[in-house]
C-alpha atoms as a PDB file:
ATOM      1  CA  MET A   1     136.330 203.172 159.834  1.00  0.00           C
ATOM      2  CA  ALA A   2     140.089 203.107 159.614  1.00  0.00           C
ATOM      3  CA  ALA A   3     141.957 203.184 162.909  1.00  0.00           C
ATOM      4  CA  ALA A   4     145.579 203.434 163.924  1.00  0.00           C
ATOM      5  CA  GLU A   5     147.014 199.962 164.369  1.00  0.00           C
ATOM      6  CA  HIS A   6     150.185 198.621 165.905  1.00  0.00           C
ATOM      7  CA  THR A   7     152.304 196.558 163.555  1.00  0.00           C
ATOM      8  CA  GLU A   8     154.797 193.902 164.498  1.00  0.00           C
ATOM      9  CA  ARG A   9     158.267 194.008 163.029  1.00  0.00           C
ATOM     10  CA  ASN A  10     160.682 191.131 162.516  1.00  0.00           C
ATOM     11  CA  VAL A  11     158.075 188.393 162.746  1.00  0.00           C
ATOM     12  CA  PRO A  12     159.465 185.334 160.967  1.00  0.00           C
ATOM     13  CA  ALA A  13     157.421 184.407 157.921  1.00  0.00           C
ATOM     14  CA  THR A  14     156.006 180.894 157.748  1.00  0.00           C
ATOM     15  CA  ALA A  15     155.449 178.659 154.773  1.00  0.00           C
ATOM     16  CA  ALA A  16     151.803 178.103 155.658  1.00  0.00           C
ATOM     17  CA  ALA A  17     149.173 179.190 153.143  1.00  0.00           C
ATOM     18  CA  ALA A  18     146.873 181.902 154.434  1.00  0.00           C
ATOM     19  CA  ALA A  19     143.745 180.783 156.225  1.00  0.00           C
ATOM     20  CA  VAL A  20     140.329 182.010 155.138  1.00  0.00           C
ATOM     21  CA  ALA A  21     138.829 184.474 157.598  1.00  0.00           C
ATOM     22  CA  ALA A  22     135.373 183.366 158.753  1.00  0.00           C
ATOM     23  CA  VAL A  23     133.366 186.013 160.594  1.00  0.00           C
ATOM     24  CA  LEU A  24     130.831 184.225 162.764  1.00  0.00           C
ATOM     25  CA  ALA A  25     127.445 185.921 163.074  1.00  0.00           C
ATOM     26  CA  GLY A  26     125.072 183.155 164.100  1.00  0.00           C
ATOM     27  CA  GLY A  27     124.565 184.198 167.717  1.00  0.00           C
ATOM     28  CA  ALA A  28     121.242 185.442 169.015  1.00  0.00           C
ATOM     29  CA  GLY A  29     122.669 188.549 170.728  1.00  0.00           C
ATOM     30  CA  ARG A  30     120.151 188.322 173.566  1.00  0.00           C
ATOM     31  CA  ARG A  31     122.310 190.167 176.115  1.00  0.00           C
ATOM     32  CA  LEU A  32     122.864 192.990 173.640  1.00  0.00           C
ATOM     33  CA  GLY A  33     119.149 193.229 172.957  1.00  0.00           C
ATOM     34  CA  GLY A  34     119.322 192.334 169.268  1.00  0.00           C
ATOM     35  CA  ALA A  35     121.445 190.955 166.476  1.00  0.00           C
ATOM     36  CA  LYS A  36     125.108 191.719 167.028  1.00  0.00           C
ATOM     37  CA  ALA A  37     126.033 191.893 163.359  1.00  0.00           C
ATOM     38  CA  THR A  38     123.702 194.816 162.660  1.00  0.00           C
ATOM     39  CA  SER A  39     124.133 196.662 165.970  1.00  0.00           C
ATOM     40  CA  LEU A  40     125.728 200.024 165.317  1.00  0.00           C
ATOM     41  CA  LEU A  41     129.098 201.178 166.625  1.00  0.00           C
ATOM     42  CA  ALA A  42     130.186 204.678 165.621  1.00  0.00           C
ATOM     43  CA  GLY A  43     127.495 204.598 162.949  1.00  0.00           C
ATOM     44  CA  ALA A  44     128.573 201.336 161.299  1.00  0.00           C
ATOM     45  CA  PRO A  45     127.396 197.736 161.821  1.00  0.00           C
ATOM     46  CA  LEU A  46     129.547 195.787 164.273  1.00  0.00           C
ATOM     47  CA  ILE A  47     130.276 193.123 161.675  1.00  0.00           C
ATOM     48  CA  SER A  48     131.792 195.700 159.332  1.00  0.00           C
ATOM     49  CA  TYR A  49     134.832 196.103 161.579  1.00  0.00           C
ATOM     50  CA  PRO A  50     136.214 192.525 161.561  1.00  0.00           C
ATOM     51  CA  LEU A  51     135.324 192.256 157.873  1.00  0.00           C
ATOM     52  CA  ALA A  52     137.325 195.389 157.115  1.00  0.00           C
ATOM     53  CA  ALA A  53     140.279 194.231 159.236  1.00  0.00           C
ATOM     54  CA  ALA A  54     140.409 190.877 157.453  1.00  0.00           C
ATOM     55  CA  GLY A  55     140.167 192.632 154.102  1.00  0.00           C
ATOM     56  CA  ARG A  56     143.050 194.965 154.950  1.00  0.00           C
ATOM     57  CA  ALA A  57     145.058 191.862 155.901  1.00  0.00           C
ATOM     58  CA  GLY A  58     144.551 190.575 152.353  1.00  0.00           C
ATOM     59  CA  LEU A  59     142.567 187.529 153.438  1.00  0.00           C
ATOM     60  CA  ASP A  60     139.687 185.819 151.691  1.00  0.00           C
ATOM     61  CA  VAL A  61     136.635 186.402 153.856  1.00  0.00           C
ATOM     62  CA  LEU A  62     133.247 184.818 154.387  1.00  0.00           C
ATOM     63  CA  VAL A  63     130.439 185.331 156.870  1.00  0.00           C
ATOM     64  CA  VAL A  64     128.914 182.345 158.662  1.00  0.00           C
ATOM     65  CA  ALA A  65     125.387 182.798 159.986  1.00  0.00           C
ATOM     66  CA  LYS A  66     122.094 181.023 160.478  1.00  0.00           C
ATOM     67  CA  ALA A  67     119.304 181.342 157.953  1.00  0.00           C
ATOM     68  CA  GLY A  68     117.434 183.730 160.223  1.00  0.00           C
ATOM     69  CA  SER A  69     120.429 185.785 161.328  1.00  0.00           C
ATOM     70  CA  ALA A  70     120.086 189.513 160.703  1.00  0.00           C
ATOM     71  CA  LEU A  71     122.913 190.800 158.515  1.00  0.00           C
ATOM     72  CA  PRO A  72     123.583 194.105 156.745  1.00  0.00           C
ATOM     73  CA  ASP A  73     122.169 194.221 153.222  1.00  0.00           C
ATOM     74  CA  ASP A  74     125.406 195.400 151.645  1.00  0.00           C
ATOM     75  CA  LEU A  75     127.812 192.614 152.594  1.00  0.00           C
ATOM     76  CA  ALA A  76     130.369 192.188 149.808  1.00  0.00           C
ATOM     77  CA  CYS A  77     131.518 188.691 150.719  1.00  0.00           C
ATOM     78  CA  PRO A  78     130.033 185.180 150.555  1.00  0.00           C
ATOM     79  CA  ILE A  79     127.554 184.134 153.237  1.00  0.00           C
ATOM     80  CA  LEU A  80     127.701 180.536 154.468  1.00  0.00           C
ATOM     81  CA  ARG A  81     124.632 179.240 156.287  1.00  0.00           C
ATOM     82  CA  GLU A  82     125.225 177.078 159.341  1.00  0.00           C
ATOM     83  CA  PRO A  83     122.573 174.727 160.825  1.00  0.00           C
ATOM     84  CA  ASP A  84     119.795 176.443 162.772  1.00  0.00           C
ATOM     85  CA  LEU A  85     120.396 174.202 165.785  1.00  0.00           C
ATOM     86  CA  PRO A  86     122.114 174.064 168.132  1.00  0.00           C
ATOM     87  CA  ARG A  87     123.099 177.639 168.909  1.00  0.00           C
ATOM     88  CA  HIS A  88     126.774 177.149 169.656  1.00  0.00           C
ATOM     89  CA  PRO A  89     129.927 178.857 168.321  1.00  0.00           C
ATOM     90  CA  LEU A  90     131.157 175.484 167.109  1.00  0.00           C
ATOM     91  CA  CYS A  91     128.364 175.378 164.509  1.00  0.00           C
ATOM     92  CA  GLY A  92     129.953 178.221 162.592  1.00  0.00           C
ATOM     93  CA  ILE A  93     133.511 176.965 163.001  1.00  0.00           C
ATOM     94  CA  ILE A  94     132.594 173.475 161.784  1.00  0.00           C
ATOM     95  CA  ALA A  95     130.572 174.845 158.863  1.00  0.00           C
ATOM     96  CA  ALA A  96     133.473 177.061 157.787  1.00  0.00           C
ATOM     97  CA  LEU A  97     136.100 174.320 158.050  1.00  0.00           C
ATOM     98  CA  THR A  98     133.911 171.903 156.107  1.00  0.00           C
ATOM     99  CA  HIS A  99     133.201 174.466 153.402  1.00  0.00           C
ATOM    100  CA  VAL A 100     136.736 175.793 153.043  1.00  0.00           C
ATOM    101  CA  GLY A 101     138.550 172.464 153.328  1.00  0.00           C
ATOM    102  CA  GLY A 102     141.561 174.229 154.803  1.00  0.00           C
ATOM    103  CA  PRO A 103     142.545 176.380 157.770  1.00  0.00           C
ATOM    104  CA  VAL A 104     140.059 178.951 158.996  1.00  0.00           C
ATOM    105  CA  LEU A 105     140.714 182.034 161.077  1.00  0.00           C
ATOM    106  CA  ALA A 106     137.525 182.352 163.124  1.00  0.00           C
ATOM    107  CA  LEU A 107     136.541 185.893 164.104  1.00  0.00           C
ATOM    108  CA  GLY A 108     133.600 187.076 166.160  1.00  0.00           C
ATOM    109  CA  CYS A 109     131.326 189.557 164.410  1.00  0.00           C
ATOM    110  CA  ASP A 110     131.293 191.508 167.690  1.00  0.00           C
ATOM    111  CA  MET A 111     135.063 192.187 167.803  1.00  0.00           C
ATOM    112  CA  PRO A 112     135.492 195.707 166.386  1.00  0.00           C
ATOM    113  CA  PHE A 113     139.133 196.382 167.226  1.00  0.00           C
ATOM    114  CA  LEU A 114     141.023 193.538 165.565  1.00  0.00           C
ATOM    115  CA  PRO A 115     144.309 194.765 164.039  1.00  0.00           C
ATOM    116  CA  SER A 116     144.758 193.683 160.448  1.00  0.00           C
ATOM    117  CA  ALA A 117     148.449 192.990 161.121  1.00  0.00           C
ATOM    118  CA  LEU A 118     147.503 190.469 163.816  1.00  0.00           C
ATOM    119  CA  LEU A 119     144.999 188.748 161.535  1.00  0.00           C
ATOM    120  CA  GLY A 120     147.520 188.519 158.728  1.00  0.00           C
ATOM    121  CA  TRP A 121     150.103 187.024 161.066  1.00  0.00           C
ATOM    122  CA  MET A 122     147.692 184.501 162.615  1.00  0.00           C
ATOM    123  CA  ALA A 123     146.347 183.456 159.210  1.00  0.00           C
ATOM    124  CA  HIS A 124     149.817 182.285 158.188  1.00  0.00           C
ATOM    125  CA  LEU A 125     150.683 180.319 161.326  1.00  0.00           C
ATOM    126  CA  ASP A 126     151.634 176.701 160.829  1.00  0.00           C
ATOM    127  CA  GLY A 127     149.015 174.959 162.932  1.00  0.00           C
ATOM    128  CA  PRO A 128     146.073 175.846 165.192  1.00  0.00           C
ATOM    129  CA  ALA A 129     146.399 178.682 167.668  1.00  0.00           C
ATOM    130  CA  ILE A 130     144.135 180.796 169.847  1.00  0.00           C
ATOM    131  CA  ALA A 131     144.394 184.305 171.252  1.00  0.00           C
ATOM    132  CA  ALA A 132     144.488 184.251 175.047  1.00  0.00           C
ATOM    133  CA  PRO A 133     144.554 187.755 176.540  1.00  0.00           C
ATOM    134  CA  GLY A 134     145.220 187.583 180.250  1.00  0.00           C
ATOM    135  CA  GLY A 135     145.429 183.803 179.890  1.00  0.00           C
ATOM    136  CA  ARG A 136     141.768 183.568 178.801  1.00  0.00           C
ATOM    137  CA  PRO A 137     141.427 181.786 175.435  1.00  0.00           C
ATOM    138  CA  GLN A 138     139.170 183.432 172.830  1.00  0.00           C
ATOM    139  CA  PRO A 139     137.734 180.740 170.503  1.00  0.00           C
ATOM    140  CA  LEU A 140     136.498 183.413 168.106  1.00  0.00           C
ATOM    141  CA  LEU A 141     139.967 184.788 167.554  1.00  0.00           C
ATOM    142  CA  ALA A 142     141.558 181.483 166.676  1.00  0.00           C
ATOM    143  CA  LEU A 143     143.086 179.525 163.834  1.00  0.00           C
ATOM    144  CA  TRP A 144     141.348 176.177 163.324  1.00  0.00           C
ATOM    145  CA  THR A 145     142.263 173.367 160.920  1.00  0.00           C
ATOM    146  CA  PRO A 146     140.315 170.510 159.299  1.00  0.00           C
ATOM    147  CA  LYS A 147     142.299 167.972 161.351  1.00  0.00           C
ATOM    148  CA  GLN A 148     140.349 169.196 164.360  1.00  0.00           C
ATOM    149  CA  LEU A 149     136.950 168.496 162.814  1.00  0.00           C
ATOM    150  CA  PRO A 150     136.363 165.110 164.510  1.00  0.00           C
ATOM    151  CA  ALA A 151     137.073 166.607 167.932  1.00  0.00           C
ATOM    152  CA  LEU A 152     134.971 169.680 167.169  1.00  0.00           C
ATOM    153  CA  ARG A 153     132.019 167.607 165.998  1.00  0.00           C
ATOM    154  CA  ASP A 154     132.239 165.463 169.126  1.00  0.00           C
ATOM    155  CA  ALA A 155     132.357 168.573 171.296  1.00  0.00           C
ATOM    156  CA  LEU A 156     129.305 169.999 169.506  1.00  0.00           C
ATOM    157  CA  ARG A 157     127.432 166.746 170.023  1.00  0.00           C
ATOM    158  CA  ARG A 158     128.211 167.047 173.758  1.00  0.00           C
ATOM    159  CA  GLU A 159     127.520 170.801 173.634  1.00  0.00           C
ATOM    160  CA  ALA A 160     130.820 171.220 175.447  1.00  0.00           C
ATOM    161  CA  ALA A 161     131.768 174.630 176.759  1.00  0.00           C
ATOM    162  CA  MET A 162     134.321 176.358 174.549  1.00  0.00           C
ATOM    163  CA  GLY A 163     136.768 176.726 177.425  1.00  0.00           C
ATOM    164  CA  GLU A 164     136.553 173.019 178.095  1.00  0.00           C
ATOM    165  CA  LEU A 165     137.185 172.225 174.434  1.00  0.00           C
ATOM    166  CA  VAL A 166     140.231 174.501 174.246  1.00  0.00           C
ATOM    167  CA  ALA A 167     141.728 172.751 177.268  1.00  0.00           C
ATOM    168  CA  GLU A 168     141.052 169.327 175.741  1.00  0.00           C
ATOM    169  CA  LEU A 169     142.706 170.216 172.441  1.00  0.00           C
ATOM    170  CA  GLY A 170     145.764 171.817 174.019  1.00  0.00           C
ATOM    171  CA  LEU A 171     145.846 174.629 171.461  1.00  0.00           C
ATOM    172  CA  ARG A 172     148.846 176.910 171.167  1.00  0.00           C
ATOM    173  CA  GLN A 173     147.917 180.052 173.069  1.00  0.00           C
ATOM    174  CA  ILE A 174     148.874 183.531 171.890  1.00  0.00           C
ATOM    175  CA  GLY A 175     149.347 185.446 175.114  1.00  0.00           C
ATOM    176  CA  ASP A 176     149.729 189.069 176.059  1.00  0.00           C
ATOM    177  CA  ASP A 177     153.442 189.124 175.276  1.00  0.00           C
ATOM    178  CA  ARG A 178     152.683 188.476 171.600  1.00  0.00           C
ATOM    179  CA  LEU A 179     149.322 190.252 171.368  1.00  0.00           C
ATOM    180  CA  SER A 180     150.779 193.437 172.828  1.00  0.00           C
ATOM    181  CA  ARG A 181     152.995 193.789 169.761  1.00  0.00           C
ATOM    182  CA  PHE A 182     149.824 194.582 167.826  1.00  0.00           C
ATOM    183  CA  GLY A 183     147.993 196.703 170.390  1.00  0.00           C
ATOM    184  CA  GLU A 184     146.384 196.523 173.822  1.00  0.00           C
ATOM    185  CA  PRO A 185     145.357 192.855 174.288  1.00  0.00           C
ATOM    186  CA  GLN A 186     142.142 193.628 176.168  1.00  0.00           C
ATOM    187  CA  VAL A 187     141.040 196.063 173.467  1.00  0.00           C
ATOM    188  CA  ILE A 188     142.026 193.754 170.611  1.00  0.00           C
ATOM    189  CA  CYS A 189     139.914 190.976 172.119  1.00  0.00           C
ATOM    190  CA  LEU A 190     136.968 193.091 173.237  1.00  0.00           C
ATOM    191  CA  ASN A 191     133.688 191.291 172.549  1.00  0.00           C
ATOM    192  CA  VAL A 192     130.546 193.425 172.459  1.00  0.00           C
ATOM    193  CA  ASN A 193     128.187 191.164 174.394  1.00  0.00           C
ATOM    194  CA  ASP A 194     125.947 193.639 176.219  1.00  0.00           C
ATOM    195  CA  PRO A 195     125.117 197.357 176.383  1.00  0.00           C
ATOM    196  CA  ALA A 196     127.994 198.026 178.796  1.00  0.00           C
ATOM    197  CA  ASP A 197     130.440 196.509 176.307  1.00  0.00           C
ATOM    198  CA  LEU A 198     128.923 198.637 173.545  1.00  0.00           C
ATOM    199  CA  ASP A 199     129.348 201.767 175.648  1.00  0.00           C
ATOM    200  CA  ARG A 200     133.006 200.907 176.226  1.00  0.00           C
ATOM    201  CA  ALA A 201     133.489 200.241 172.513  1.00  0.00           C
ATOM    202  CA  GLU A 202     131.910 203.620 171.694  1.00  0.00           C
ATOM    203  CA  GLN A 203     134.380 205.326 174.023  1.00  0.00           C
ATOM    204  CA  ILE A 204     137.321 203.568 172.360  1.00  0.00           C
ATOM    205  CA  ALA A 205     135.924 204.392 168.909  1.00  0.00           C
ATOM    206  CA  ARG A 206     135.700 208.083 169.793  1.00  0.00           C
ATOM    207  CA  VAL A 207     139.320 208.112 170.974  1.00  0.00           C
ATOM    208  CA  ARG A 208     140.332 206.455 167.684  1.00  0.00           C
ATOM    209  CA  GLY A 209     138.313 208.880 165.616  1.00  0.00           C
ATOM    210  CA  LEU A 210     135.941 206.289 164.176  1.00  0.00           C
ATOM    211  CA  GLY A 211     132.566 207.238 162.808  1.00  0.00           C
END
């Protein structure tokens, strides 16, 4: 499963304690035709890739999913159950922040090409931040903190769109200039949402020699 990764040199260290990586797997995966976490890419479950990247970064890791979410049987990390309703990415983020009581690096279970160096860097940032390839914020590649919980709970109550919430909170955005130090931003932030995305991911995996 290992892949060549870009590493960033001369990045100033921060005094912030490392965030816990929370891999969110509570989505229904309807557009993909089944559970994302267990869908196979290069012969391995999609969720195994962000879990491995976070592990290589030296982060504590947990999976956040609903009680009925399909997950691989051999997960070697804690599983935190989020409420069954509503189905919204904020459910997992809120559950993780409440459980951890500290900063959480939220990762989508459908993001197979996350560089461990990027995750390690983001996990030590001093304050919330969100990856924004091409200027498009990715809430499931973001550092969240407990101070944001009131705003997140209010947004969940309103079932606010994630893009709307990001704009309201004014999060620090990590753009292409920074992301490109770790790899190709559009590949780093690739979400496998449908069969076309999975086909593209398979092509990238073959080039990287995965599987």
